[in-house]
Amino acid sequence: MTSKRKKSDGTAAGGKKKEKREENAEISGIIQDADIKEKVKEAWHRRKPFSHGGLVLDCQPFPHCVLNNFIQNEGFLENLQKELLALNFHEKSNDLYKFKQSDDLKQRKGAHIPGLRTVIFDQFRHWLSDVLDTELEPVVDVSCAKYEYTDVLLCHDDELEGRRVAFIFYLVPPWEASDGGTLDLYSVDGQYHKDTLLYSVSLVSPITGWMAVCLASRGRSSRLWLFLENCQPKDVVKSLVPQWNTLIFFEVSPVSFHQVAEVISEDKCRLSMSGWFHGTPLERPPRYVEPAIPRNPHLPRDEELLLEWVNPVYLDMAYQAQMQEEFEESSEILLKNFLKEDKFKEVNEALKKTEIQWTRRGPPNKRNYERAELQALPPCVSTCWELLSSEAFFLLLSNFTGLKLHFLAPGSDDEEEEEEEQDCAAGSTRSLEAAAPEQQCSKRNERKSKEPSTPVCRGELRRWGTGDYTLIHDTDLDNMEFALDLLLYCGCENWQSDLGGFTSYIASGEDEELLTVSPEDNALGLVYRDKETLRFIKHVNHRSSQSLEDGPVRRHFYDFSFVYYE
């Protein structure tokens, strides 16, 4: 709950407590002009740009409108800013964002917040309903947000049941694009497709890739939305700089992908009120599901590769047994100084060479980082990759974790088979509800006749720099099954957690972290996760690009990221 500030205890001459009077806000004259409203409405539905005075409507990459000088009385705005800054703010941080937010302001008391709320909920809502030609509900979500140094809201489309129009009202000091905090709009990968069998096709949607198709049906026309591409964000094609007393709104649609760029000013606060008008949402296509990443069995490399590369401490069988006990207890372990020192130094230096080809991996509503092309790796880096993909390493991981990642490794099925064989030999059952001995023996023989599953893996060599991240998303099928994650870090000497770049594990539907794996040179992290455990890489923020007192500018770190499946 937001705690309420103490009101003035002043009293009138008669001894009665003085009520704090709500101050009215006066909306821009452009909003009150009926002729301008009709022109905006026509431009919106024709998807044409329009501007008049402080109003600017643009339809690329999706329809959005900027209203400068939204409130006419300047004194009201200055007092509103003070009132907002006095609110209680809560730290908000997860895979998608980091900023400070107030509680919902729908019922907030005060002299100025209710005044602006009345303008937005009443006058502006009715104007917007007329422009969009759709009914907007009288209850509006609205809260206040503060974005300060390194705060960010990454790429998303605002989709949530009932959201129809998003809005942001800025109360910021003089602001430049170089301060960060811009509202960035993304293009998408859709294309127009015309079905020649339909008698007419007219573009009436805001969105690249969507068309309204008019169908003649019993004398009436109906609208069918078609989309034949992935509908995924590509590039930032427009950035709107926050300005004092400016309101921006846009329609929440399948392609309204946007972000709040990281604030890189160390002394400015991006203060805004924002929220959503609710109404009948636009039609949406089925969610795009990415093709599964190929998985491969181990490479035929023997233990000589382990002996050449891996710290001998981790090859000791007694130590492996100890590690397995720890891993089975906690499902995670961090192995420091994993590679031999000379091998690690060689790989660490080679990763900085320009001969490696790095490809940016997206889309930005799911991830943003660089991945190495395996065909152009320096020899030592390529050999390290082979090590992590090798048959000998699969067996080593089995010894570390107790998972059956190699046919020589014992597994839980082996223990069950041994128990069943003992039961069959004794001709007995464990309980009254258990199956008959002959049925148990039949099941055991059936399992033996099946081909054992082949352990597989997939891997990437990734480079992380300022602005890189991964996000949790509900179509990430590859990360929704039992698996062993491996991370081997390079180039991250003295990396601090406040720079981002750490891997966070959370339970599905929860924000609380279960585990954090921070970048650490030559440290190998192993984490076994189930279907309900999700992971993301926290946004690498602007601090990572600053100079250090004891070293050069930090630009990148690297990791070998592998996932192994039994």
Protein backbone atom coordinates (compact mmCIF):
# COMPACT_ATOMS: atom_id res chain seq x y z
CA MET A 1 0.00 0.00 0.00
CA THR A 2 1.16 3.50 -0.72
CA SER A 3 1.47 5.44 2.52
CA LYS A 4 -0.28 8.79 2.51
CA ARG A 5 1.59 11.99 3.24
CA LYS A 6 0.52 13.98 6.24
CA LYS A 7 -1.74 16.80 5.26
CA SER A 8 -1.42 20.31 6.56
CA ASP A 9 -2.95 20.60 10.01
CA GLY A 10 -3.99 24.21 9.49
CA THR A 11 -7.40 25.17 10.75
CA ALA A 12 -9.80 27.90 9.83
CA ALA A 13 -10.70 30.71 12.26
CA GLY A 14 -13.77 28.81 13.40
CA GLY A 15 -11.65 25.86 14.50
CA LYS A 16 -12.71 23.58 11.62
CA LYS A 17 -10.04 21.61 9.78
CA LYS A 18 -9.20 23.10 6.42
CA GLU A 19 -9.71 20.71 3.46
CA LYS A 20 -6.98 20.59 0.82
CA ARG A 21 -8.77 21.76 -2.30
CA GLU A 22 -8.41 19.80 -5.54
CA GLU A 23 -6.94 21.99 -8.28
CA ASN A 24 -8.31 21.72 -11.79
CA ALA A 25 -6.13 21.11 -14.83
CA GLU A 26 -6.96 22.73 -18.15
CA ILE A 27 -6.42 20.51 -21.17
CA SER A 28 -4.84 21.71 -24.41
CA GLY A 29 -7.04 23.74 -26.71
CA ILE A 30 -6.26 21.34 -29.58
CA ILE A 31 -8.16 18.60 -27.75
CA GLN A 32 -11.14 20.93 -27.38
CA ASP A 33 -11.23 21.86 -31.08
CA ALA A 34 -13.92 19.80 -32.86
CA ASP A 35 -12.55 20.46 -36.36
CA ILE A 36 -9.07 19.28 -35.38
CA LYS A 37 -10.54 16.17 -33.79
CA GLU A 38 -12.29 15.24 -37.06
CA LYS A 39 -9.06 15.70 -39.01
CA VAL A 40 -7.14 13.54 -36.55
CA LYS A 41 -9.85 10.89 -36.74
CA GLU A 42 -9.75 10.84 -40.53
CA ALA A 43 -5.94 10.67 -40.60
CA TRP A 44 -5.92 7.88 -38.00
CA HIS A 45 -8.31 5.69 -39.97
CA ARG A 46 -6.61 6.40 -43.29
CA ARG A 47 -3.23 5.74 -41.69
CA LYS A 48 -1.92 9.10 -42.89
CA PRO A 49 0.41 11.47 -40.99
CA PHE A 50 -1.11 14.67 -39.62
CA SER A 51 0.17 17.60 -37.59
CA HIS A 52 -1.33 20.78 -36.22
CA GLY A 53 0.30 23.00 -33.62
CA GLY A 54 1.61 20.76 -30.87
CA LEU A 55 -0.17 17.65 -32.17
CA VAL A 56 1.82 15.23 -34.35
CA LEU A 57 0.29 11.97 -35.62
CA ASP A 58 2.54 9.45 -37.37
CA CYS A 59 1.75 5.93 -38.54
CA GLN A 60 5.24 4.50 -38.86
CA PRO A 61 6.19 1.98 -37.64
CA PHE A 62 2.73 1.86 -36.03
CA PRO A 63 0.20 4.64 -35.29
CA HIS A 64 1.21 6.93 -32.44
CA CYS A 65 0.46 10.51 -31.53
CA VAL A 66 2.46 13.17 -29.68
CA LEU A 67 0.56 15.93 -27.85
CA ASN A 68 2.85 18.75 -26.75
CA ASN A 69 1.66 21.25 -24.10
CA PHE A 70 -1.02 18.79 -23.01
CA ILE A 71 -1.95 20.85 -19.91
CA GLN A 72 -2.26 24.63 -20.26
CA ASN A 73 -1.66 25.87 -16.70
CA GLU A 74 2.08 25.72 -15.93
CA GLY A 75 1.68 26.30 -12.20
CA PHE A 76 -0.48 23.19 -11.95
CA LEU A 77 2.25 21.10 -13.62
CA GLU A 78 5.00 22.26 -11.28
CA ASN A 79 2.90 21.40 -8.24
CA LEU A 80 1.88 18.07 -9.80
CA GLN A 81 5.54 17.19 -10.29
CA LYS A 82 6.27 17.90 -6.61
CA GLU A 83 3.27 15.81 -5.56
CA LEU A 84 4.37 12.87 -7.70
CA LEU A 85 7.95 12.96 -6.45
CA ALA A 86 6.64 12.79 -2.88
CA LEU A 87 4.93 9.43 -3.54
CA ASN A 88 6.27 6.16 -2.21
CA PHE A 89 8.06 4.34 -5.03
CA HIS A 90 8.84 0.63 -5.22
CA GLU A 91 11.90 -0.89 -6.87
CA LYS A 92 10.81 -2.99 -9.84
CA SER A 93 13.31 -5.36 -11.40
CA ASN A 94 13.05 -8.56 -13.44
CA ASP A 95 14.12 -9.80 -16.86
CA LEU A 96 12.16 -7.06 -18.69
CA TYR A 97 12.73 -3.92 -16.64
CA LYS A 98 14.41 -1.99 -13.86
CA PHE A 99 12.84 1.22 -12.55
CA LYS A 100 10.82 2.66 -9.65
CA GLN A 101 7.03 2.69 -9.70
CA SER A 102 4.26 4.08 -7.51
CA ASP A 103 1.09 2.25 -6.57
CA ASP A 104 -1.90 2.63 -8.86
CA LEU A 105 -3.13 6.22 -8.81
CA LYS A 106 -6.81 5.60 -9.60
CA GLN A 107 -7.86 6.41 -6.03
CA ARG A 108 -4.92 8.59 -4.95
CA LYS A 109 -5.89 11.72 -2.98
CA GLY A 110 -4.15 15.06 -3.27
CA ALA A 111 -4.52 18.49 -4.82
CA HIS A 112 -3.12 17.79 -8.29
CA ILE A 113 -3.06 14.06 -9.04
CA PRO A 114 -6.89 13.88 -9.02
CA GLY A 115 -7.00 16.96 -11.25
CA LEU A 116 -4.87 15.34 -13.96
CA ARG A 117 -6.71 12.06 -13.48
CA THR A 118 -10.00 13.81 -14.20
CA VAL A 119 -8.62 15.27 -17.42
CA ILE A 120 -7.27 11.91 -18.63
CA PHE A 121 -10.18 9.74 -17.48
CA ASP A 122 -12.88 12.11 -18.73
CA GLN A 123 -12.06 14.74 -21.37
CA PHE A 124 -9.16 12.95 -23.02
CA ARG A 125 -10.82 9.51 -22.91
CA HIS A 126 -13.90 10.81 -24.71
CA TRP A 127 -11.74 12.57 -27.33
CA LEU A 128 -9.72 9.40 -27.85
CA SER A 129 -12.86 7.25 -28.15
CA ASP A 130 -14.12 9.53 -30.90
CA VAL A 131 -10.77 9.52 -32.75
CA LEU A 132 -10.41 5.73 -32.63
CA ASP A 133 -14.14 5.20 -33.14
CA THR A 134 -14.21 2.68 -30.32
CA GLU A 135 -15.63 2.70 -26.81
CA LEU A 136 -13.04 3.01 -24.04
CA GLU A 137 -13.92 1.97 -20.51
CA PRO A 138 -14.11 4.70 -17.82
CA VAL A 139 -11.69 2.86 -15.51
CA VAL A 140 -8.10 3.54 -16.58
CA ASP A 141 -4.86 2.03 -15.27
CA VAL A 142 -2.44 4.77 -14.29
CA SER A 143 0.73 4.92 -12.16
CA CYS A 144 3.85 7.02 -11.84
CA ALA A 145 7.33 5.83 -12.84
CA LYS A 146 10.82 7.14 -12.17
CA TYR A 147 13.64 6.09 -14.48
CA GLU A 148 17.09 7.05 -13.27
CA TYR A 149 20.64 6.03 -14.19
CA THR A 150 20.73 2.52 -15.81
CA ASP A 151 16.95 2.06 -15.52
CA VAL A 152 15.35 0.48 -18.58
CA LEU A 153 12.22 -1.18 -19.99
CA LEU A 154 13.11 -3.62 -22.75
CA CYS A 155 11.26 -4.54 -25.94
CA HIS A 156 7.62 -5.61 -25.51
CA ASP A 157 4.22 -4.96 -27.14
CA ASP A 158 2.04 -4.11 -24.06
CA GLU A 159 -0.30 -6.98 -24.88
CA LEU A 160 -2.56 -7.86 -21.96
CA GLU A 161 -6.23 -8.72 -21.94
CA GLY A 162 -8.36 -5.62 -22.52
CA ARG A 163 -5.58 -3.09 -23.14
CA ARG A 164 -6.54 -0.90 -26.09
CA VAL A 165 -4.44 2.29 -25.92
CA ALA A 166 -1.23 3.00 -24.03
CA PHE A 167 -0.27 6.51 -22.91
CA ILE A 168 2.70 8.26 -21.27
CA PHE A 169 2.67 11.79 -19.84
CA TYR A 170 6.11 13.29 -19.18
CA LEU A 171 7.19 15.68 -16.44
CA VAL A 172 10.92 15.73 -17.10
CA PRO A 173 13.68 18.35 -16.91
CA PRO A 174 15.22 19.53 -20.21
CA TRP A 175 16.03 16.24 -21.95
CA GLU A 176 18.27 15.19 -24.82
CA ALA A 177 18.52 11.95 -26.77
CA SER A 178 22.02 11.56 -25.30
CA ASP A 179 20.43 11.21 -21.85
CA GLY A 180 18.82 7.91 -22.90
CA GLY A 181 15.28 7.17 -21.75
CA THR A 182 13.79 7.62 -25.22
CA LEU A 183 10.61 5.81 -26.21
CA ASP A 184 11.92 3.56 -29.00
CA LEU A 185 9.55 2.13 -31.61
CA TYR A 186 10.38 -1.07 -33.50
CA SER A 187 9.71 -2.21 -37.05
CA VAL A 188 8.49 -5.79 -37.58
CA ASP A 189 9.27 -8.55 -40.06
CA GLY A 190 5.78 -8.75 -41.59
CA GLN A 191 4.91 -8.27 -45.26
CA TYR A 192 1.68 -7.59 -47.10
CA HIS A 193 -0.02 -10.50 -48.81
CA LYS A 194 -3.02 -10.06 -51.07
CA ASP A 195 -5.43 -12.93 -51.64
CA THR A 196 -6.57 -12.47 -55.23
CA LEU A 197 -9.63 -14.64 -54.62
CA LEU A 198 -11.12 -12.01 -52.37
CA TYR A 199 -12.99 -9.25 -54.11
CA SER A 200 -11.28 -6.38 -52.30
CA VAL A 201 -8.42 -5.83 -49.91
CA SER A 202 -7.94 -2.53 -48.12
CA LEU A 203 -5.18 -1.58 -45.70
CA VAL A 204 -6.86 -0.19 -42.62
CA SER A 205 -4.66 -1.57 -39.86
CA PRO A 206 -1.83 0.33 -38.22
CA ILE A 207 0.43 -2.51 -38.80
CA THR A 208 2.92 -3.69 -41.33
CA GLY A 209 1.77 -7.14 -42.35
CA TRP A 210 -1.90 -6.80 -41.43
CA MET A 211 -4.76 -6.16 -43.83
CA ALA A 212 -8.47 -5.81 -43.49
CA VAL A 213 -10.22 -7.93 -46.07
CA CYS A 214 -13.77 -7.00 -47.01
CA LEU A 215 -15.88 -10.05 -47.79
CA ALA A 216 -19.24 -9.89 -49.58
CA SER A 217 -21.58 -12.08 -47.59
CA ARG A 218 -25.36 -11.95 -48.02
CA GLY A 219 -25.29 -8.28 -48.81
CA ARG A 220 -23.11 -7.41 -45.82
CA SER A 221 -19.39 -6.87 -45.50
CA SER A 222 -17.24 -8.26 -42.74
CA ARG A 223 -13.60 -7.75 -41.83
CA LEU A 224 -11.04 -10.53 -41.70
CA TRP A 225 -7.54 -9.91 -40.41
CA LEU A 226 -4.77 -11.71 -42.23
CA PHE A 227 -1.14 -12.01 -41.31
CA LEU A 228 1.27 -14.34 -43.04
CA GLU A 229 4.61 -13.50 -41.43
CA ASN A 230 6.19 -13.90 -38.01
CA CYS A 231 5.15 -10.54 -36.58
CA GLN A 232 8.40 -10.18 -34.65
CA PRO A 233 10.24 -6.91 -33.87
CA LYS A 234 13.38 -6.10 -35.85
CA ASP A 235 14.99 -2.69 -35.42
CA VAL A 236 14.43 0.58 -33.59
CA VAL A 237 13.27 2.91 -36.38
CA LYS A 238 12.07 5.86 -34.33
CA SER A 239 13.01 7.32 -30.94
CA LEU A 240 10.80 9.85 -29.15
CA VAL A 241 12.66 12.06 -26.68
CA PRO A 242 10.75 12.78 -23.43
CA GLN A 243 9.62 16.41 -23.17
CA TRP A 244 8.01 18.38 -20.36
CA ASN A 245 4.18 18.44 -20.50
CA THR A 246 4.00 16.03 -23.45
CA LEU A 247 1.59 13.10 -23.74
CA ILE A 248 2.21 10.25 -26.18
CA PHE A 249 -0.33 7.55 -26.97
CA PHE A 250 -0.44 4.55 -29.28
CA GLU A 251 -2.76 1.68 -30.04
CA VAL A 252 -1.86 -1.64 -28.41
CA SER A 253 -1.58 -4.03 -31.33
CA PRO A 254 0.24 -7.19 -32.42
CA VAL A 255 3.15 -5.04 -33.59
CA SER A 256 3.26 -2.16 -31.09
CA PHE A 257 6.75 -3.21 -30.01
CA HIS A 258 8.57 -0.52 -28.07
CA GLN A 259 11.05 0.03 -25.26
CA VAL A 260 12.23 2.70 -22.85
CA ALA A 261 15.92 2.99 -23.68
CA GLU A 262 18.33 2.81 -20.76
CA VAL A 263 18.74 6.14 -18.95
CA ILE A 264 22.42 7.03 -19.13
CA SER A 265 22.24 10.48 -17.53
CA GLU A 266 23.54 10.22 -13.97
CA ASP A 267 21.72 13.31 -12.66
CA LYS A 268 18.31 13.41 -14.38
CA CYS A 269 15.05 11.70 -13.47
CA ARG A 270 12.64 10.59 -16.19
CA LEU A 271 9.35 11.15 -14.36
CA SER A 272 6.13 10.12 -16.06
CA MET A 273 2.55 9.04 -15.50
CA SER A 274 1.54 6.16 -17.71
CA GLY A 275 -1.14 3.55 -18.15
CA TRP A 276 -3.71 2.03 -20.47
CA PHE A 277 -7.22 2.68 -21.66
CA HIS A 278 -9.24 -0.52 -21.87
CA GLY A 279 -11.65 -1.60 -24.56
CA THR A 280 -12.21 -4.28 -27.16
CA PRO A 281 -8.69 -5.41 -28.16
CA LEU A 282 -7.54 -5.76 -31.74
CA GLU A 283 -7.49 -9.16 -33.43
CA ARG A 284 -4.19 -10.95 -32.90
CA PRO A 285 -2.47 -13.70 -34.87
CA PRO A 286 -1.35 -16.95 -33.21
CA ARG A 287 1.86 -16.46 -31.26
CA TYR A 288 4.93 -17.19 -33.31
CA VAL A 289 6.89 -20.20 -32.09
CA GLU A 290 10.54 -20.28 -33.14
CA PRO A 291 11.94 -23.43 -34.76
CA ALA A 292 13.67 -25.72 -32.27
CA ILE A 293 17.42 -25.28 -32.01
CA PRO A 294 19.19 -28.39 -33.39
CA ARG A 295 20.61 -30.80 -30.80
CA ASN A 296 23.58 -33.03 -31.45
CA PRO A 297 25.03 -36.16 -29.87
CA HIS A 298 28.55 -36.03 -28.48
CA LEU A 299 31.61 -35.75 -30.66
CA PRO A 300 33.86 -38.85 -30.74
CA ARG A 301 36.74 -37.45 -28.68
CA ASP A 302 38.47 -39.51 -25.98
CA GLU A 303 39.82 -38.70 -22.52
CA GLU A 304 43.09 -37.32 -23.91
CA LEU A 305 41.24 -34.07 -24.53
CA LEU A 306 40.21 -33.93 -20.85
CA LEU A 307 43.74 -34.60 -19.67
CA GLU A 308 45.05 -31.83 -21.90
CA TRP A 309 42.51 -29.15 -20.94
CA VAL A 310 40.79 -29.77 -17.60
CA ASN A 311 42.24 -28.89 -14.20
CA PRO A 312 43.48 -32.25 -12.77
CA VAL A 313 41.60 -31.60 -9.52
CA TYR A 314 38.32 -32.21 -11.36
CA LEU A 315 39.52 -35.48 -12.86
CA ASP A 316 40.05 -37.12 -9.48
CA MET A 317 37.37 -39.79 -9.00
CA ALA A 318 37.05 -39.25 -5.26
CA TYR A 319 36.55 -35.51 -5.80
CA GLN A 320 33.98 -36.21 -8.53
CA ALA A 321 32.02 -38.38 -6.08
CA GLN A 322 32.06 -35.52 -3.56
CA MET A 323 30.86 -33.05 -6.19
CA GLN A 324 28.08 -35.41 -7.21
CA GLU A 325 26.79 -35.53 -3.64
CA GLU A 326 26.76 -31.74 -3.48
CA PHE A 327 25.06 -31.45 -6.86
CA GLU A 328 22.36 -34.00 -6.05
CA GLU A 329 21.60 -31.99 -2.90
CA SER A 330 21.33 -28.53 -4.53
CA SER A 331 21.05 -29.15 -8.32
CA GLU A 332 23.81 -26.61 -8.96
CA ILE A 333 27.57 -26.28 -8.55
CA LEU A 334 30.29 -23.78 -9.52
CA LEU A 335 33.69 -25.20 -10.48
CA LYS A 336 36.37 -22.50 -10.27
CA ASN A 337 39.62 -22.60 -12.28
CA PHE A 338 38.07 -25.32 -14.38
CA LEU A 339 40.46 -25.21 -17.32
CA LYS A 340 44.20 -25.47 -16.96
CA GLU A 341 45.64 -21.98 -16.53
CA ASP A 342 47.63 -21.93 -19.78
CA LYS A 343 44.65 -23.19 -21.80
CA PHE A 344 42.30 -20.63 -20.29
CA LYS A 345 44.70 -17.76 -21.01
CA GLU A 346 45.07 -18.91 -24.60
CA VAL A 347 41.30 -19.04 -25.13
CA ASN A 348 40.74 -15.77 -23.30
CA GLU A 349 43.17 -13.91 -25.57
CA ALA A 350 41.90 -15.59 -28.74
CA LEU A 351 38.30 -14.51 -28.07
CA LYS A 352 39.35 -10.87 -28.43
CA LYS A 353 40.68 -11.38 -31.95
CA THR A 354 38.89 -9.75 -34.85
CA GLU A 355 38.89 -12.92 -36.96
CA ILE A 356 35.88 -14.26 -35.06
CA GLN A 357 32.61 -13.45 -36.82
CA TRP A 358 29.90 -12.33 -34.42
CA THR A 359 26.24 -12.29 -35.41
CA ARG A 360 23.59 -10.35 -33.51
CA ARG A 361 20.85 -12.70 -32.31
CA GLY A 362 17.26 -11.55 -31.77
CA PRO A 363 14.40 -10.84 -31.98
CA PRO A 364 14.64 -8.11 -29.31
CA ASN A 365 11.43 -9.17 -27.53
CA LYS A 366 13.27 -12.41 -26.69
CA ARG A 367 17.01 -11.73 -26.73
CA ASN A 368 19.76 -9.39 -27.82
CA TYR A 369 23.37 -10.59 -27.85
CA GLU A 370 26.12 -11.71 -30.24
CA ARG A 371 26.84 -15.31 -31.19
CA ALA A 372 30.05 -16.58 -32.79
CA GLU A 373 30.00 -18.30 -36.16
CA LEU A 374 31.68 -21.64 -35.49
CA GLN A 375 33.32 -21.85 -38.91
CA ALA A 376 35.76 -18.99 -38.15
CA LEU A 377 36.94 -19.75 -34.62
CA PRO A 378 40.63 -19.62 -33.69
CA PRO A 379 42.04 -23.17 -33.27
CA CYS A 380 42.21 -23.10 -29.45
CA VAL A 381 38.64 -21.78 -29.17
CA SER A 382 37.44 -24.45 -31.58
CA THR A 383 39.18 -27.12 -29.50
CA CYS A 384 37.54 -25.81 -26.33
CA TRP A 385 34.19 -26.11 -28.10
CA GLU A 386 35.03 -29.70 -29.03
CA LEU A 387 35.94 -30.40 -25.41
CA LEU A 388 32.48 -29.35 -24.20
CA SER A 389 30.84 -31.41 -26.96
CA SER A 390 33.01 -34.51 -26.58
CA GLU A 391 32.04 -38.01 -25.47
CA ALA A 392 34.60 -37.87 -22.68
CA PHE A 393 33.06 -34.63 -21.38
CA PHE A 394 29.55 -36.12 -21.43
CA LEU A 395 30.85 -38.89 -19.17
CA LEU A 396 32.62 -36.36 -16.94
CA LEU A 397 29.35 -34.42 -16.54
CA SER A 398 27.63 -37.66 -15.59
CA ASN A 399 30.21 -38.16 -12.84
CA PHE A 400 29.75 -34.56 -11.64
CA THR A 401 25.94 -34.64 -11.57
CA GLY A 402 24.67 -38.23 -11.43
CA LEU A 403 22.72 -37.65 -14.67
CA LYS A 404 22.81 -40.34 -17.35
CA LEU A 405 24.61 -38.41 -20.10
CA HIS A 406 26.66 -41.40 -21.24
CA PHE A 407 25.82 -45.10 -21.64
CA LEU A 408 28.57 -45.99 -19.16
CA ALA A 409 27.08 -43.77 -16.49
CA PRO A 410 24.70 -45.42 -13.99
CA GLY A 411 21.20 -43.95 -13.82
CA SER A 412 17.96 -44.27 -11.90
CA ASP A 413 16.61 -46.77 -14.47
CA ASP A 414 19.49 -49.11 -13.68
CA GLU A 415 18.60 -49.08 -9.97
CA GLU A 416 14.94 -49.79 -10.77
CA GLU A 417 15.90 -52.69 -13.05
CA GLU A 418 18.13 -54.21 -10.35
CA GLU A 419 15.29 -54.05 -7.82
CA GLU A 420 12.86 -55.59 -10.31
CA GLU A 421 15.28 -58.42 -11.08
CA GLN A 422 15.56 -59.19 -7.37
CA ASP A 423 11.75 -59.21 -7.12
CA CYS A 424 11.46 -61.53 -10.12
CA ALA A 425 14.06 -63.90 -8.72
CA ALA A 426 12.30 -64.00 -5.36
CA GLY A 427 8.90 -64.41 -6.96
CA SER A 428 7.40 -61.87 -4.59
CA THR A 429 5.73 -58.48 -4.70
CA ARG A 430 6.46 -55.37 -2.66
CA SER A 431 2.85 -54.71 -1.66
CA LEU A 432 -0.69 -55.92 -2.13
CA GLU A 433 -1.26 -53.24 -4.78
CA ALA A 434 1.90 -54.14 -6.73
CA ALA A 435 1.69 -55.99 -10.03
CA ALA A 436 2.19 -59.74 -10.20
CA PRO A 437 5.82 -60.96 -10.51
CA GLU A 438 5.30 -62.12 -14.08
CA GLN A 439 3.96 -58.67 -15.02
CA GLN A 440 6.97 -56.97 -13.42
CA CYS A 441 9.35 -59.25 -15.31
CA SER A 442 7.44 -58.54 -18.53
CA LYS A 443 7.83 -54.75 -18.01
CA ARG A 444 11.53 -55.16 -17.29
CA ASN A 445 12.05 -57.17 -20.46
CA GLU A 446 10.02 -54.65 -22.46
CA ARG A 447 12.21 -51.76 -21.19
CA LYS A 448 15.36 -53.72 -22.02
CA SER A 449 14.10 -54.27 -25.55
CA LYS A 450 13.70 -50.51 -26.12
CA GLU A 451 16.49 -48.51 -27.66
CA PRO A 452 18.09 -46.30 -25.00
CA SER A 453 17.76 -42.55 -25.61
CA THR A 454 20.87 -40.84 -26.87
CA PRO A 455 22.08 -37.91 -24.74
CA VAL A 456 22.36 -34.74 -26.82
CA CYS A 457 23.43 -31.13 -26.41
CA ARG A 458 23.20 -27.72 -28.03
CA GLY A 459 25.63 -24.89 -27.52
CA GLU A 460 26.61 -21.32 -28.32
CA LEU A 461 29.66 -19.13 -27.89
CA ARG A 462 28.26 -15.74 -26.88
CA ARG A 463 29.67 -12.24 -26.53
CA TRP A 464 28.05 -9.86 -24.04
CA GLY A 465 28.31 -6.08 -24.06
CA THR A 466 26.33 -3.01 -23.02
CA GLY A 467 22.64 -3.38 -23.93
CA ASP A 468 22.65 -7.18 -24.24
CA TYR A 469 20.11 -9.43 -22.50
CA THR A 470 17.72 -12.37 -22.79
CA LEU A 471 14.05 -12.38 -21.78
CA ILE A 472 11.66 -15.03 -20.55
CA HIS A 473 8.90 -15.73 -23.04
CA ASP A 474 6.05 -18.23 -23.10
CA THR A 475 6.97 -19.73 -26.50
CA ASP A 476 10.48 -20.76 -25.44
CA LEU A 477 9.87 -24.50 -25.73
CA ASP A 478 13.59 -25.37 -25.60
CA ASN A 479 13.79 -24.07 -22.04
CA MET A 480 10.65 -25.80 -20.78
CA GLU A 481 12.00 -29.29 -20.14
CA PHE A 482 14.45 -31.04 -17.86
CA ALA A 483 18.00 -30.08 -18.81
CA LEU A 484 21.51 -29.43 -17.52
CA ASP A 485 22.81 -25.90 -18.20
CA LEU A 486 26.54 -25.26 -18.51
CA LEU A 487 28.21 -21.83 -18.50
CA LEU A 488 31.96 -21.35 -18.88
CA TYR A 489 33.01 -17.69 -18.60
CA CYS A 490 35.92 -15.76 -20.16
CA GLY A 491 36.96 -12.11 -20.22
CA CYS A 492 35.01 -11.05 -17.13
CA GLU A 493 37.75 -10.25 -14.62
CA ASN A 494 36.40 -8.19 -11.68
CA TRP A 495 32.87 -8.25 -13.12
CA GLN A 496 30.33 -6.91 -10.61
CA SER A 497 26.68 -7.91 -10.31
CA ASP A 498 25.49 -4.28 -10.59
CA LEU A 499 26.67 -4.33 -14.23
CA GLY A 500 24.08 -6.99 -15.14
CA GLY A 501 25.02 -9.94 -17.33
CA PHE A 502 24.30 -12.53 -14.63
CA THR A 503 22.08 -15.55 -15.24
CA SER A 504 18.97 -15.60 -13.07
CA TYR A 505 16.79 -18.66 -12.43
CA ILE A 506 13.20 -18.20 -11.27
CA ALA A 507 10.18 -20.45 -10.77
CA SER A 508 7.50 -20.13 -13.44
CA GLY A 509 5.00 -17.43 -12.47
CA GLU A 510 7.25 -15.99 -9.76
CA ASP A 511 9.66 -13.02 -9.66
CA GLU A 512 11.77 -14.20 -6.74
CA GLU A 513 15.15 -15.55 -7.79
CA LEU A 514 15.99 -19.17 -7.04
CA LEU A 515 19.61 -18.87 -8.10
CA THR A 516 22.01 -16.36 -9.67
CA VAL A 517 25.11 -17.34 -11.62
CA SER A 518 27.48 -14.38 -11.97
CA PRO A 519 30.22 -14.10 -14.62
CA GLU A 520 33.59 -15.21 -13.23
CA ASP A 521 36.71 -15.96 -15.23
CA ASN A 522 37.41 -19.67 -15.83
CA ALA A 523 34.44 -20.70 -13.69
CA LEU A 524 32.17 -23.46 -14.95
CA GLY A 525 28.61 -23.32 -13.66
CA LEU A 526 26.27 -26.34 -13.80
CA VAL A 527 22.55 -26.00 -13.08
CA TYR A 528 19.92 -28.72 -13.45
CA ARG A 529 16.47 -27.27 -14.05
CA ASP A 530 13.01 -28.74 -14.39
CA LYS A 531 10.08 -27.73 -16.61
CA GLU A 532 8.93 -25.06 -14.17
CA THR A 533 12.29 -23.31 -13.82
CA LEU A 534 12.99 -20.41 -16.17
CA ARG A 535 16.16 -18.44 -16.76
CA PHE A 536 17.26 -15.12 -18.24
CA ILE A 537 20.42 -13.01 -18.61
CA LYS A 538 20.01 -9.63 -16.90
CA HIS A 539 20.43 -6.57 -19.12
CA VAL A 540 24.08 -5.45 -19.27
CA ASN A 541 23.85 -1.78 -18.31
CA HIS A 542 25.80 1.37 -19.09
CA ARG A 543 28.14 0.94 -16.12
CA SER A 544 29.86 -1.88 -18.02
CA SER A 545 31.21 0.59 -20.59
CA GLN A 546 32.79 2.96 -18.07
CA SER A 547 36.51 3.14 -17.33
CA LEU A 548 37.84 1.39 -14.27
CA GLU A 549 40.34 2.92 -11.90
CA ASP A 550 42.48 -0.22 -12.08
CA GLY A 551 42.10 -1.16 -15.71
CA PRO A 552 40.93 -0.39 -19.25
CA VAL A 553 37.39 0.21 -20.47
CA ARG A 554 35.29 -2.93 -20.03
CA ARG A 555 33.59 -3.74 -23.30
CA HIS A 556 32.70 -7.44 -23.50
CA PHE A 557 32.76 -10.75 -21.72
CA TYR A 558 32.21 -14.19 -23.22
CA ASP A 559 30.61 -17.47 -22.30
CA PHE A 560 30.37 -20.98 -23.70
CA SER A 561 26.70 -21.78 -23.12
CA PHE A 562 25.68 -25.44 -23.45
CA VAL A 563 22.51 -27.36 -22.59
CA TYR A 564 22.64 -31.15 -22.12
CA TYR A 565 19.68 -33.54 -22.28
CA GLU A 566 19.61 -37.10 -20.97
